[in-house]
Amino acid sequence: MIKIYHNPRCSKSRAGLDYLKTKTSEFEVIDYLKTGLTTETILQLLQRLNVKPYDLIRTQESFFKQQLKGKQFSDEEWIRIIIENPKLLKRPIIVNNYKAVWADPADKADKLF
């Protein structure tokens, strides 16, 4: 089952969702700002994206710039920071079975099909 981690307020996320709709109608939208994120979810995303926790961070967010920029954290700490501040998660992330992509631009989703 295809999943998209989506923030409806984000234009890039909306573009990713619209693009996904052109590829398939069989997918689940996860509004992670409402549902929250778990450690298990983050670990699965990291594995499927093949990245480190810091690579999931939106460094242009004001919270990052004011509270986190220039600080060093362990991978476990970055995971906790993402869970506590899900707005920091890059979006949209589209998952198809055991692979995932950060779909910015949206056509990066083609790697999953």
PDB file of N, CA and C in Angstrom:
ATOM      1  N   MET A   1       0.840  -1.188   0.000  1.00  0.00           N
ATOM      2  CA  MET A   1       0.000   0.000   0.000  1.00  0.00           C
ATOM      3  C   MET A   1       0.883   1.250   0.000  1.00  0.00           C
ATOM      4  N   ILE A   2       0.585   2.154  -0.883  1.00  0.00           N
ATOM      5  CA  ILE A   2       1.313   3.416  -0.966  1.00  0.00           C
ATOM      6  C   ILE A   2       0.776   4.349   0.111  1.00  0.00           C
ATOM      7  N   LYS A   3       1.704   5.068   0.750  1.00  0.00           N
ATOM      8  CA  LYS A   3       1.351   6.053   1.764  1.00  0.00           C
ATOM      9  C   LYS A   3       2.047   7.362   1.421  1.00  0.00           C
ATOM     10  N   ILE A   4       1.376   8.460   1.721  1.00  0.00           N
ATOM     11  CA  ILE A   4       2.004   9.766   1.573  1.00  0.00           C
ATOM     12  C   ILE A   4       1.892  10.492   2.904  1.00  0.00           C
ATOM     13  N   TYR A   5       3.035  10.900   3.429  1.00  0.00           N
ATOM     14  CA  TYR A   5       3.076  11.712   4.654  1.00  0.00           C
ATOM     15  C   TYR A   5       2.903  13.144   4.179  1.00  0.00           C
ATOM     16  N   HIS A   6       1.771  13.729   4.553  1.00  0.00           N
ATOM     17  CA  HIS A   6       1.280  14.938   3.911  1.00  0.00           C
ATOM     18  C   HIS A   6       0.914  16.012   4.927  1.00  0.00           C
ATOM     19  N   ASN A   7       1.244  17.255   4.574  1.00  0.00           N
ATOM     20  CA  ASN A   7       0.811  18.429   5.323  1.00  0.00           C
ATOM     21  C   ASN A   7      -0.023  19.268   4.363  1.00  0.00           C
ATOM     22  N   PRO A   8      -1.342  19.311   4.559  1.00  0.00           N
ATOM     23  CA  PRO A   8      -2.206  20.014   3.606  1.00  0.00           C
ATOM     24  C   PRO A   8      -1.927  21.513   3.501  1.00  0.00           C
ATOM     25  N   ARG A   9      -1.227  22.093   4.443  1.00  0.00           N
ATOM     26  CA  ARG A   9      -0.909  23.527   4.382  1.00  0.00           C
ATOM     27  C   ARG A   9       0.325  23.831   3.541  1.00  0.00           C
ATOM     28  N   CYS A  10       1.044  22.786   3.156  1.00  0.00           N
ATOM     29  CA  CYS A  10       2.310  22.957   2.432  1.00  0.00           C
ATOM     30  C   CYS A  10       2.083  22.802   0.931  1.00  0.00           C
ATOM     31  N   SER A  11       2.482  23.783   0.153  1.00  0.00           N
ATOM     32  CA  SER A  11       2.271  23.732  -1.296  1.00  0.00           C
ATOM     33  C   SER A  11       3.047  22.581  -1.934  1.00  0.00           C
ATOM     34  N   LYS A  12       4.245  22.310  -1.451  1.00  0.00           N
ATOM     35  CA  LYS A  12       5.029  21.202  -2.003  1.00  0.00           C
ATOM     36  C   LYS A  12       4.361  19.865  -1.695  1.00  0.00           C
ATOM     37  N   SER A  13       3.797  19.756  -0.512  1.00  0.00           N
ATOM     38  CA  SER A  13       3.097  18.538  -0.135  1.00  0.00           C
ATOM     39  C   SER A  13       1.826  18.370  -0.965  1.00  0.00           C
ATOM     40  N   ARG A  14       1.119  19.446  -1.179  1.00  0.00           N
ATOM     41  CA  ARG A  14      -0.090  19.384  -2.025  1.00  0.00           C
ATOM     42  C   ARG A  14       0.274  18.990  -3.449  1.00  0.00           C
ATOM     43  N   ALA A  15       1.386  19.520  -3.942  1.00  0.00           N
ATOM     44  CA  ALA A  15       1.838  19.168  -5.290  1.00  0.00           C
ATOM     45  C   ALA A  15       2.185  17.677  -5.354  1.00  0.00           C
ATOM     46  N   GLY A  16       2.815  17.158  -4.321  1.00  0.00           N
ATOM     47  CA  GLY A  16       3.137  15.741  -4.274  1.00  0.00           C
ATOM     48  C   GLY A  16       1.891  14.880  -4.267  1.00  0.00           C
ATOM     49  N   LEU A  17       0.895  15.294  -3.500  1.00  0.00           N
ATOM     50  CA  LEU A  17      -0.366  14.559  -3.441  1.00  0.00           C
ATOM     51  C   LEU A  17      -1.078  14.601  -4.795  1.00  0.00           C
ATOM     52  N   ASP A  18      -1.118  15.766  -5.414  1.00  0.00           N
ATOM     53  CA  ASP A  18      -1.744  15.889  -6.729  1.00  0.00           C
ATOM     54  C   ASP A  18      -1.033  15.011  -7.755  1.00  0.00           C
ATOM     55  N   TYR A  19       0.286  14.979  -7.696  1.00  0.00           N
ATOM     56  CA  TYR A  19       1.051  14.159  -8.630  1.00  0.00           C
ATOM     57  C   TYR A  19       0.764  12.679  -8.392  1.00  0.00           C
ATOM     58  N   LEU A  20       0.720  12.287  -7.134  1.00  0.00           N
ATOM     59  CA  LEU A  20       0.429  10.896  -6.798  1.00  0.00           C
ATOM     60  C   LEU A  20      -0.935  10.480  -7.340  1.00  0.00           C
ATOM     61  N   LYS A  21      -1.891  11.379  -7.285  1.00  0.00           N
ATOM     62  CA  LYS A  21      -3.237  11.094  -7.809  1.00  0.00           C
ATOM     63  C   LYS A  21      -3.224  10.811  -9.304  1.00  0.00           C
ATOM     64  N   THR A  22      -2.233  11.352 -10.022  1.00  0.00           N
ATOM     65  CA  THR A  22      -2.141  11.075 -11.458  1.00  0.00           C
ATOM     66  C   THR A  22      -1.568   9.692 -11.729  1.00  0.00           C
ATOM     67  N   LYS A  23      -0.939   9.097 -10.729  1.00  0.00           N
ATOM     68  CA  LYS A  23      -0.296   7.795 -10.879  1.00  0.00           C
ATOM     69  C   LYS A  23      -1.172   6.634 -10.405  1.00  0.00           C
ATOM     70  N   THR A  24      -1.960   6.878  -9.345  1.00  0.00           N
ATOM     71  CA  THR A  24      -2.752   5.807  -8.755  1.00  0.00           C
ATOM     72  C   THR A  24      -3.859   6.402  -7.891  1.00  0.00           C
ATOM     73  N   SER A  25      -4.873   5.613  -7.673  1.00  0.00           N
ATOM     74  CA  SER A  25      -5.922   6.024  -6.729  1.00  0.00           C
ATOM     75  C   SER A  25      -5.846   5.189  -5.458  1.00  0.00           C
ATOM     76  N   GLU A  26      -4.886   4.283  -5.427  1.00  0.00           N
ATOM     77  CA  GLU A  26      -4.732   3.361  -4.297  1.00  0.00           C
ATOM     78  C   GLU A  26      -3.609   3.855  -3.378  1.00  0.00           C
ATOM     79  N   PHE A  27      -3.951   4.734  -2.457  1.00  0.00           N
ATOM     80  CA  PHE A  27      -2.948   5.208  -1.508  1.00  0.00           C
ATOM     81  C   PHE A  27      -3.641   5.722  -0.256  1.00  0.00           C
ATOM     82  N   GLU A  28      -2.829   5.838   0.793  1.00  0.00           N
ATOM     83  CA  GLU A  28      -3.311   6.343   2.082  1.00  0.00           C
ATOM     84  C   GLU A  28      -2.615   7.670   2.373  1.00  0.00           C
ATOM     85  N   VAL A  29      -3.404   8.666   2.728  1.00  0.00           N
ATOM     86  CA  VAL A  29      -2.854   9.968   3.110  1.00  0.00           C
ATOM     87  C   VAL A  29      -2.693   9.996   4.624  1.00  0.00           C
ATOM     88  N   ILE A  30      -1.478  10.295   5.071  1.00  0.00           N
ATOM     89  CA  ILE A  30      -1.208  10.396   6.501  1.00  0.00           C
ATOM     90  C   ILE A  30      -0.929  11.861   6.824  1.00  0.00           C
ATOM     91  N   ASP A  31      -1.875  12.475   7.509  1.00  0.00           N
ATOM     92  CA  ASP A  31      -1.709  13.862   7.957  1.00  0.00           C
ATOM     93  C   ASP A  31      -0.985  13.789   9.308  1.00  0.00           C
ATOM     94  N   TYR A  32       0.332  13.691   9.229  1.00  0.00           N
ATOM     95  CA  TYR A  32       1.151  13.419  10.417  1.00  0.00           C
ATOM     96  C   TYR A  32       1.122  14.549  11.443  1.00  0.00           C
ATOM     97  N   LEU A  33       0.711  15.746  11.045  1.00  0.00           N
ATOM     98  CA  LEU A  33       0.597  16.816  12.035  1.00  0.00           C
ATOM     99  C   LEU A  33      -0.586  16.557  12.964  1.00  0.00           C
ATOM    100  N   LYS A  34      -1.602  15.847  12.462  1.00  0.00           N
ATOM    101  CA  LYS A  34      -2.758  15.489  13.286  1.00  0.00           C
ATOM    102  C   LYS A  34      -2.541  14.170  14.014  1.00  0.00           C
ATOM    103  N   THR A  35      -1.998  13.178  13.296  1.00  0.00           N
ATOM    104  CA  THR A  35      -1.855  11.840  13.887  1.00  0.00           C
ATOM    105  C   THR A  35      -0.607  11.695  14.743  1.00  0.00           C
ATOM    106  N   GLY A  36       0.381  12.531  14.491  1.00  0.00           N
ATOM    107  CA  GLY A  36       1.657  12.407  15.194  1.00  0.00           C
ATOM    108  C   GLY A  36       2.552  11.369  14.530  1.00  0.00           C
ATOM    109  N   LEU A  37       3.765  11.311  15.010  1.00  0.00           N
ATOM    110  CA  LEU A  37       4.759  10.367  14.506  1.00  0.00           C
ATOM    111  C   LEU A  37       5.298   9.551  15.668  1.00  0.00           C
ATOM    112  N   THR A  38       5.652   8.317  15.391  1.00  0.00           N
ATOM    113  CA  THR A  38       6.241   7.457  16.416  1.00  0.00           C
ATOM    114  C   THR A  38       7.693   7.172  16.060  1.00  0.00           C
ATOM    115  N   THR A  39       8.423   6.696  17.028  1.00  0.00           N
ATOM    116  CA  THR A  39       9.809   6.296  16.772  1.00  0.00           C
ATOM    117  C   THR A  39       9.849   5.232  15.695  1.00  0.00           C
ATOM    118  N   GLU A  40       8.943   4.264  15.782  1.00  0.00           N
ATOM    119  CA  GLU A  40       8.904   3.186  14.790  1.00  0.00           C
ATOM    120  C   GLU A  40       8.668   3.742  13.382  1.00  0.00           C
ATOM    121  N   THR A  41       7.754   4.685  13.255  1.00  0.00           N
ATOM    122  CA  THR A  41       7.473   5.290  11.951  1.00  0.00           C
ATOM    123  C   THR A  41       8.709   5.991  11.404  1.00  0.00           C
ATOM    124  N   ILE A  42       9.349   6.776  12.241  1.00  0.00           N
ATOM    125  CA  ILE A  42      10.558   7.497  11.804  1.00  0.00           C
ATOM    126  C   ILE A  42      11.642   6.506  11.388  1.00  0.00           C
ATOM    127  N   LEU A  43      11.852   5.456  12.172  1.00  0.00           N
ATOM    128  CA  LEU A  43      12.872   4.457  11.835  1.00  0.00           C
ATOM    129  C   LEU A  43      12.560   3.781  10.499  1.00  0.00           C
ATOM    130  N   GLN A  44      11.290   3.492  10.256  1.00  0.00           N
ATOM    131  CA  GLN A  44      10.906   2.889   8.976  1.00  0.00           C
ATOM    132  C   GLN A  44      11.167   3.857   7.823  1.00  0.00           C
ATOM    133  N   LEU A  45      10.815   5.119   8.011  1.00  0.00           N
ATOM    134  CA  LEU A  45      11.072   6.112   6.966  1.00  0.00           C
ATOM    135  C   LEU A  45      12.569   6.237   6.692  1.00  0.00           C
ATOM    136  N   LEU A  46      13.355   6.276   7.737  1.00  0.00           N
ATOM    137  CA  LEU A  46      14.808   6.386   7.577  1.00  0.00           C
ATOM    138  C   LEU A  46      15.361   5.216   6.780  1.00  0.00           C
ATOM    139  N   GLN A  47      14.894   4.017   7.110  1.00  0.00           N
ATOM    140  CA  GLN A  47      15.364   2.824   6.410  1.00  0.00           C
ATOM    141  C   GLN A  47      14.945   2.851   4.941  1.00  0.00           C
ATOM    142  N   ARG A  48      13.702   3.215   4.684  1.00  0.00           N
ATOM    143  CA  ARG A  48      13.190   3.193   3.309  1.00  0.00           C
ATOM    144  C   ARG A  48      13.767   4.318   2.455  1.00  0.00           C
ATOM    145  N   LEU A  49      14.086   5.434   3.098  1.00  0.00           N
ATOM    146  CA  LEU A  49      14.706   6.554   2.384  1.00  0.00           C
ATOM    147  C   LEU A  49      16.223   6.402   2.292  1.00  0.00           C
ATOM    148  N   ASN A  50      16.771   5.571   3.187  1.00  0.00           N
ATOM    149  CA  ASN A  50      18.221   5.368   3.293  1.00  0.00           C
ATOM    150  C   ASN A  50      18.941   6.683   3.617  1.00  0.00           C
ATOM    151  N   VAL A  51      18.451   7.341   4.675  1.00  0.00           N
ATOM    152  CA  VAL A  51      19.035   8.602   5.126  1.00  0.00           C
ATOM    153  C   VAL A  51      19.199   8.588   6.643  1.00  0.00           C
ATOM    154  N   LYS A  52      19.879   9.583   7.151  1.00  0.00           N
ATOM    155  CA  LYS A  52      20.045   9.796   8.589  1.00  0.00           C
ATOM    156  C   LYS A  52      18.927  10.717   9.093  1.00  0.00           C
ATOM    157  N   PRO A  53      18.626  10.698  10.377  1.00  0.00           N
ATOM    158  CA  PRO A  53      17.549  11.541  10.915  1.00  0.00           C
ATOM    159  C   PRO A  53      17.680  13.020  10.556  1.00  0.00           C
ATOM    160  N   TYR A  54      18.888  13.554  10.594  1.00  0.00           N
ATOM    161  CA  TYR A  54      19.059  14.976  10.274  1.00  0.00           C
ATOM    162  C   TYR A  54      18.586  15.286   8.848  1.00  0.00           C
ATOM    163  N   ASP A  55      18.709  14.307   7.947  1.00  0.00           N
ATOM    164  CA  ASP A  55      18.317  14.510   6.554  1.00  0.00           C
ATOM    165  C   ASP A  55      16.810  14.697   6.392  1.00  0.00           C
ATOM    166  N   LEU A  56      16.033  14.356   7.416  1.00  0.00           N
ATOM    167  CA  LEU A  56      14.577  14.528   7.380  1.00  0.00           C
ATOM    168  C   LEU A  56      14.144  15.911   7.848  1.00  0.00           C
ATOM    169  N   ILE A  57      15.089  16.708   8.336  1.00  0.00           N
ATOM    170  CA  ILE A  57      14.774  17.998   8.959  1.00  0.00           C
ATOM    171  C   ILE A  57      14.617  19.103   7.920  1.00  0.00           C
ATOM    172  N   ARG A  58      13.542  19.867   8.069  1.00  0.00           N
ATOM    173  CA  ARG A  58      13.329  21.088   7.276  1.00  0.00           C
ATOM    174  C   ARG A  58      14.100  22.217   7.965  1.00  0.00           C
ATOM    175  N   THR A  59      15.273  22.498   7.461  1.00  0.00           N
ATOM    176  CA  THR A  59      16.148  23.477   8.102  1.00  0.00           C
ATOM    177  C   THR A  59      15.701  24.918   7.890  1.00  0.00           C
ATOM    178  N   GLN A  60      14.710  25.148   7.021  1.00  0.00           N
ATOM    179  CA  GLN A  60      14.213  26.500   6.809  1.00  0.00           C
ATOM    180  C   GLN A  60      13.108  26.876   7.790  1.00  0.00           C
ATOM    181  N   GLU A  61      12.632  25.911   8.587  1.00  0.00           N
ATOM    182  CA  GLU A  61      11.599  26.205   9.589  1.00  0.00           C
ATOM    183  C   GLU A  61      12.157  27.150  10.652  1.00  0.00           C
ATOM    184  N   SER A  62      11.345  28.091  11.093  1.00  0.00           N
ATOM    185  CA  SER A  62      11.798  29.064  12.089  1.00  0.00           C
ATOM    186  C   SER A  62      12.201  28.374  13.390  1.00  0.00           C
ATOM    187  N   PHE A  63      11.479  27.317  13.794  1.00  0.00           N
ATOM    188  CA  PHE A  63      11.849  26.596  15.014  1.00  0.00           C
ATOM    189  C   PHE A  63      13.271  26.039  14.902  1.00  0.00           C
ATOM    190  N   PHE A  64      13.604  25.489  13.744  1.00  0.00           N
ATOM    191  CA  PHE A  64      14.954  24.975  13.550  1.00  0.00           C
ATOM    192  C   PHE A  64      15.972  26.108  13.666  1.00  0.00           C
ATOM    193  N   LYS A  65      15.711  27.196  12.953  1.00  0.00           N
ATOM    194  CA  LYS A  65      16.653  28.312  12.940  1.00  0.00           C
ATOM    195  C   LYS A  65      16.858  28.905  14.328  1.00  0.00           C
ATOM    196  N   GLN A  66      15.791  28.986  15.119  1.00  0.00           N
ATOM    197  CA  GLN A  66      15.869  29.623  16.431  1.00  0.00           C
ATOM    198  C   GLN A  66      16.374  28.690  17.528  1.00  0.00           C
ATOM    199  N   GLN A  67      16.036  27.405  17.435  1.00  0.00           N
ATOM    200  CA  GLN A  67      16.320  26.503  18.547  1.00  0.00           C
ATOM    201  C   GLN A  67      17.384  25.442  18.265  1.00  0.00           C
ATOM    202  N   LEU A  68      17.603  25.078  17.010  1.00  0.00           N
ATOM    203  CA  LEU A  68      18.415  23.902  16.719  1.00  0.00           C
ATOM    204  C   LEU A  68      19.650  24.161  15.866  1.00  0.00           C
ATOM    205  N   LYS A  69      19.613  25.202  15.057  1.00  0.00           N
ATOM    206  CA  LYS A  69      20.697  25.469  14.117  1.00  0.00           C
ATOM    207  C   LYS A  69      22.032  25.556  14.842  1.00  0.00           C
ATOM    208  N   GLY A  70      23.022  24.832  14.299  1.00  0.00           N
ATOM    209  CA  GLY A  70      24.366  24.865  14.852  1.00  0.00           C
ATOM    210  C   GLY A  70      24.586  23.932  16.026  1.00  0.00           C
ATOM    211  N   LYS A  71      23.553  23.274  16.505  1.00  0.00           N
ATOM    212  CA  LYS A  71      23.690  22.354  17.640  1.00  0.00           C
ATOM    213  C   LYS A  71      23.898  20.939  17.132  1.00  0.00           C
ATOM    214  N   GLN A  72      24.605  20.171  17.923  1.00  0.00           N
ATOM    215  CA  GLN A  72      24.891  18.781  17.583  1.00  0.00           C
ATOM    216  C   GLN A  72      23.990  17.866  18.401  1.00  0.00           C
ATOM    217  N   PHE A  73      23.330  16.926  17.729  1.00  0.00           N
ATOM    218  CA  PHE A  73      22.480  15.954  18.397  1.00  0.00           C
ATOM    219  C   PHE A  73      22.785  14.570  17.839  1.00  0.00           C
ATOM    220  N   SER A  74      22.563  13.559  18.645  1.00  0.00           N
ATOM    221  CA  SER A  74      22.703  12.179  18.177  1.00  0.00           C
ATOM    222  C   SER A  74      21.518  11.838  17.285  1.00  0.00           C
ATOM    223  N   ASP A  75      21.618  10.734  16.576  1.00  0.00           N
ATOM    224  CA  ASP A  75      20.505  10.304  15.734  1.00  0.00           C
ATOM    225  C   ASP A  75      19.242  10.103  16.573  1.00  0.00           C
ATOM    226  N   GLU A  76      19.395   9.510  17.740  1.00  0.00           N
ATOM    227  CA  GLU A  76      18.253   9.277  18.626  1.00  0.00           C
ATOM    228  C   GLU A  76      17.621  10.596  19.063  1.00  0.00           C
ATOM    229  N   GLU A  77      18.446  11.587  19.338  1.00  0.00           N
ATOM    230  CA  GLU A  77      17.923  12.894  19.728  1.00  0.00           C
ATOM    231  C   GLU A  77      17.189  13.571  18.570  1.00  0.00           C
ATOM    232  N   TRP A  78      17.713  13.453  17.337  1.00  0.00           N
ATOM    233  CA  TRP A  78      17.030  14.035  16.180  1.00  0.00           C
ATOM    234  C   TRP A  78      15.678  13.370  15.980  1.00  0.00           C
ATOM    235  N   ILE A  79      15.611  12.062  16.175  1.00  0.00           N
ATOM    236  CA  ILE A  79      14.335  11.349  16.053  1.00  0.00           C
ATOM    237  C   ILE A  79      13.340  11.895  17.074  1.00  0.00           C
ATOM    238  N   ARG A  80      13.774  12.060  18.304  1.00  0.00           N
ATOM    239  CA  ARG A  80      12.900  12.602  19.351  1.00  0.00           C
ATOM    240  C   ARG A  80      12.448  14.016  18.992  1.00  0.00           C
ATOM    241  N   ILE A  81      13.360  14.822  18.472  1.00  0.00           N
ATOM    242  CA  ILE A  81      13.035  16.198  18.079  1.00  0.00           C
ATOM    243  C   ILE A  81      11.966  16.201  16.979  1.00  0.00           C
ATOM    244  N   ILE A  82      12.088  15.316  16.002  1.00  0.00           N
ATOM    245  CA  ILE A  82      11.090  15.225  14.926  1.00  0.00           C
ATOM    246  C   ILE A  82       9.740  14.814  15.496  1.00  0.00           C
ATOM    247  N   ILE A  83       9.739  13.833  16.385  1.00  0.00           N
ATOM    248  CA  ILE A  83       8.483  13.366  16.982  1.00  0.00           C
ATOM    249  C   ILE A  83       7.810  14.487  17.768  1.00  0.00           C
ATOM    250  N   GLU A  84       8.592  15.240  18.513  1.00  0.00           N
ATOM    251  CA  GLU A  84       8.041  16.326  19.325  1.00  0.00           C
ATOM    252  C   GLU A  84       7.678  17.554  18.486  1.00  0.00           C
ATOM    253  N   ASN A  85       8.271  17.674  17.304  1.00  0.00           N
ATOM    254  CA  ASN A  85       8.046  18.824  16.422  1.00  0.00           C
ATOM    255  C   ASN A  85       7.835  18.329  14.991  1.00  0.00           C
ATOM    256  N   PRO A  86       6.715  17.665  14.725  1.00  0.00           N
ATOM    257  CA  PRO A  86       6.531  17.035  13.407  1.00  0.00           C
ATOM    258  C   PRO A  86       6.549  18.015  12.239  1.00  0.00           C
ATOM    259  N   LYS A  87       6.367  19.287  12.512  1.00  0.00           N
ATOM    260  CA  LYS A  87       6.437  20.294  11.451  1.00  0.00           C
ATOM    261  C   LYS A  87       7.826  20.313  10.794  1.00  0.00           C
ATOM    262  N   LEU A  88       8.828  19.799  11.513  1.00  0.00           N
ATOM    263  CA  LEU A  88      10.189  19.765  10.989  1.00  0.00           C
ATOM    264  C   LEU A  88      10.405  18.695   9.925  1.00  0.00           C
ATOM    265  N   LEU A  89       9.492  17.729   9.803  1.00  0.00           N
ATOM    266  CA  LEU A  89       9.657  16.631   8.852  1.00  0.00           C
ATOM    267  C   LEU A  89       9.534  17.134   7.417  1.00  0.00           C
ATOM    268  N   LYS A  90      10.517  16.789   6.583  1.00  0.00           N
ATOM    269  CA  LYS A  90      10.417  17.134   5.166  1.00  0.00           C
ATOM    270  C   LYS A  90       9.182  16.471   4.588  1.00  0.00           C
ATOM    271  N   ARG A  91       8.600  17.138   3.610  1.00  0.00           N
ATOM    272  CA  ARG A  91       7.378  16.619   3.025  1.00  0.00           C
ATOM    273  C   ARG A  91       7.288  17.019   1.568  1.00  0.00           C
ATOM    274  N   PRO A  92       6.528  16.249   0.826  1.00  0.00           N
ATOM    275  CA  PRO A  92       5.867  15.008   1.197  1.00  0.00           C
ATOM    276  C   PRO A  92       6.833  13.827   1.090  1.00  0.00           C
ATOM    277  N   ILE A  93       6.612  12.844   1.902  1.00  0.00           N
ATOM    278  CA  ILE A  93       7.337  11.583   1.786  1.00  0.00           C
ATOM    279  C   ILE A  93       6.324  10.555   1.311  1.00  0.00           C
ATOM    280  N   ILE A  94       6.674   9.884   0.236  1.00  0.00           N
ATOM    281  CA  ILE A  94       5.800   8.860  -0.329  1.00  0.00           C
ATOM    282  C   ILE A  94       6.484   7.509  -0.169  1.00  0.00           C
ATOM    283  N   VAL A  95       5.736   6.553   0.362  1.00  0.00           N
ATOM    284  CA  VAL A  95       6.258   5.221   0.645  1.00  0.00           C
ATOM    285  C   VAL A  95       5.492   4.210  -0.200  1.00  0.00           C
ATOM    286  N   ASN A  96       6.222   3.311  -0.810  1.00  0.00           N
ATOM    287  CA  ASN A  96       5.624   2.199  -1.541  1.00  0.00           C
ATOM    288  C   ASN A  96       6.369   0.938  -1.119  1.00  0.00           C
ATOM    289  N   ASN A  97       5.726   0.152  -0.282  1.00  0.00           N
ATOM    290  CA  ASN A  97       6.315  -1.063   0.277  1.00  0.00           C
ATOM    291  C   ASN A  97       7.599  -0.740   1.028  1.00  0.00           C
ATOM    292  N   TYR A  98       8.749  -1.143   0.480  1.00  0.00           N
ATOM    293  CA  TYR A  98      10.004  -0.995   1.217  1.00  0.00           C
ATOM    294  C   TYR A  98      10.880   0.134   0.692  1.00  0.00           C
ATOM    295  N   LYS A  99      10.315   0.975  -0.161  1.00  0.00           N
ATOM    296  CA  LYS A  99      11.047   2.121  -0.677  1.00  0.00           C
ATOM    297  C   LYS A  99      10.264   3.386  -0.375  1.00  0.00           C
ATOM    298  N   ALA A 100      10.982   4.489  -0.298  1.00  0.00           N
ATOM    299  CA  ALA A 100      10.340   5.783  -0.063  1.00  0.00           C
ATOM    300  C   ALA A 100      11.157   6.863  -0.765  1.00  0.00           C
ATOM    301  N   VAL A 101      10.471   7.976  -1.054  1.00  0.00           N
ATOM    302  CA  VAL A 101      11.143   9.137  -1.621  1.00  0.00           C
ATOM    303  C   VAL A 101      10.584  10.398  -0.976  1.00  0.00           C
ATOM    304  N   TRP A 102      11.444  11.374  -0.875  1.00  0.00           N
ATOM    305  CA  TRP A 102      11.000  12.719  -0.522  1.00  0.00           C
ATOM    306  C   TRP A 102      10.630  13.341  -1.861  1.00  0.00           C
ATOM    307  N   ALA A 103       9.354  13.543  -2.091  1.00  0.00           N
ATOM    308  CA  ALA A 103       8.829  13.927  -3.403  1.00  0.00           C
ATOM    309  C   ALA A 103       8.828  15.441  -3.599  1.00  0.00           C
ATOM    310  N   ASP A 104       9.995  16.016  -3.558  1.00  0.00           N
ATOM    311  CA  ASP A 104      10.155  17.437  -3.849  1.00  0.00           C
ATOM    312  C   ASP A 104      11.355  17.574  -4.790  1.00  0.00           C
ATOM    313  N   PRO A 105      11.126  17.768  -6.072  1.00  0.00           N
ATOM    314  CA  PRO A 105       9.844  17.999  -6.708  1.00  0.00           C
ATOM    315  C   PRO A 105       9.008  16.728  -6.793  1.00  0.00           C
ATOM    316  N   ALA A 106       7.750  16.919  -7.101  1.00  0.00           N
ATOM    317  CA  ALA A 106       6.768  15.836  -7.035  1.00  0.00           C
ATOM    318  C   ALA A 106       7.112  14.655  -7.942  1.00  0.00           C
ATOM    319  N   ASP A 107       7.753  14.910  -9.067  1.00  0.00           N
ATOM    320  CA  ASP A 107       8.025  13.805  -9.986  1.00  0.00           C
ATOM    321  C   ASP A 107       9.078  12.826  -9.471  1.00  0.00           C
ATOM    322  N   LYS A 108       9.705  13.128  -8.342  1.00  0.00           N
ATOM    323  CA  LYS A 108      10.600  12.147  -7.717  1.00  0.00           C
ATOM    324  C   LYS A 108       9.825  10.887  -7.309  1.00  0.00           C
ATOM    325  N   ALA A 109       8.510  11.013  -7.194  1.00  0.00           N
ATOM    326  CA  ALA A 109       7.676   9.853  -6.864  1.00  0.00           C
ATOM    327  C   ALA A 109       7.762   8.788  -7.945  1.00  0.00           C
ATOM    328  N   ASP A 110       8.167   9.156  -9.155  1.00  0.00           N
ATOM    329  CA  ASP A 110       8.273   8.179 -10.244  1.00  0.00           C
ATOM    330  C   ASP A 110       9.217   7.036  -9.888  1.00  0.00           C
ATOM    331  N   LYS A 111      10.164   7.266  -9.000  1.00  0.00           N
ATOM    332  CA  LYS A 111      11.117   6.225  -8.593  1.00  0.00           C
ATOM    333  C   LYS A 111      10.413   5.057  -7.912  1.00  0.00           C
ATOM    334  N   LEU A 112       9.190   5.273  -7.458  1.00  0.00           N
ATOM    335  CA  LEU A 112       8.454   4.235  -6.742  1.00  0.00           C
ATOM    336  C   LEU A 112       7.570   3.401  -7.663  1.00  0.00           C
ATOM    337  N   PHE A 113       7.448   3.789  -8.911  1.00  0.00           N
ATOM    338  CA  PHE A 113       6.535   3.096  -9.829  1.00  0.00           C
ATOM    339  C   PHE A 113       7.297   2.382 -10.931  1.00  0.00           C
TER     340      PHE A 113
END
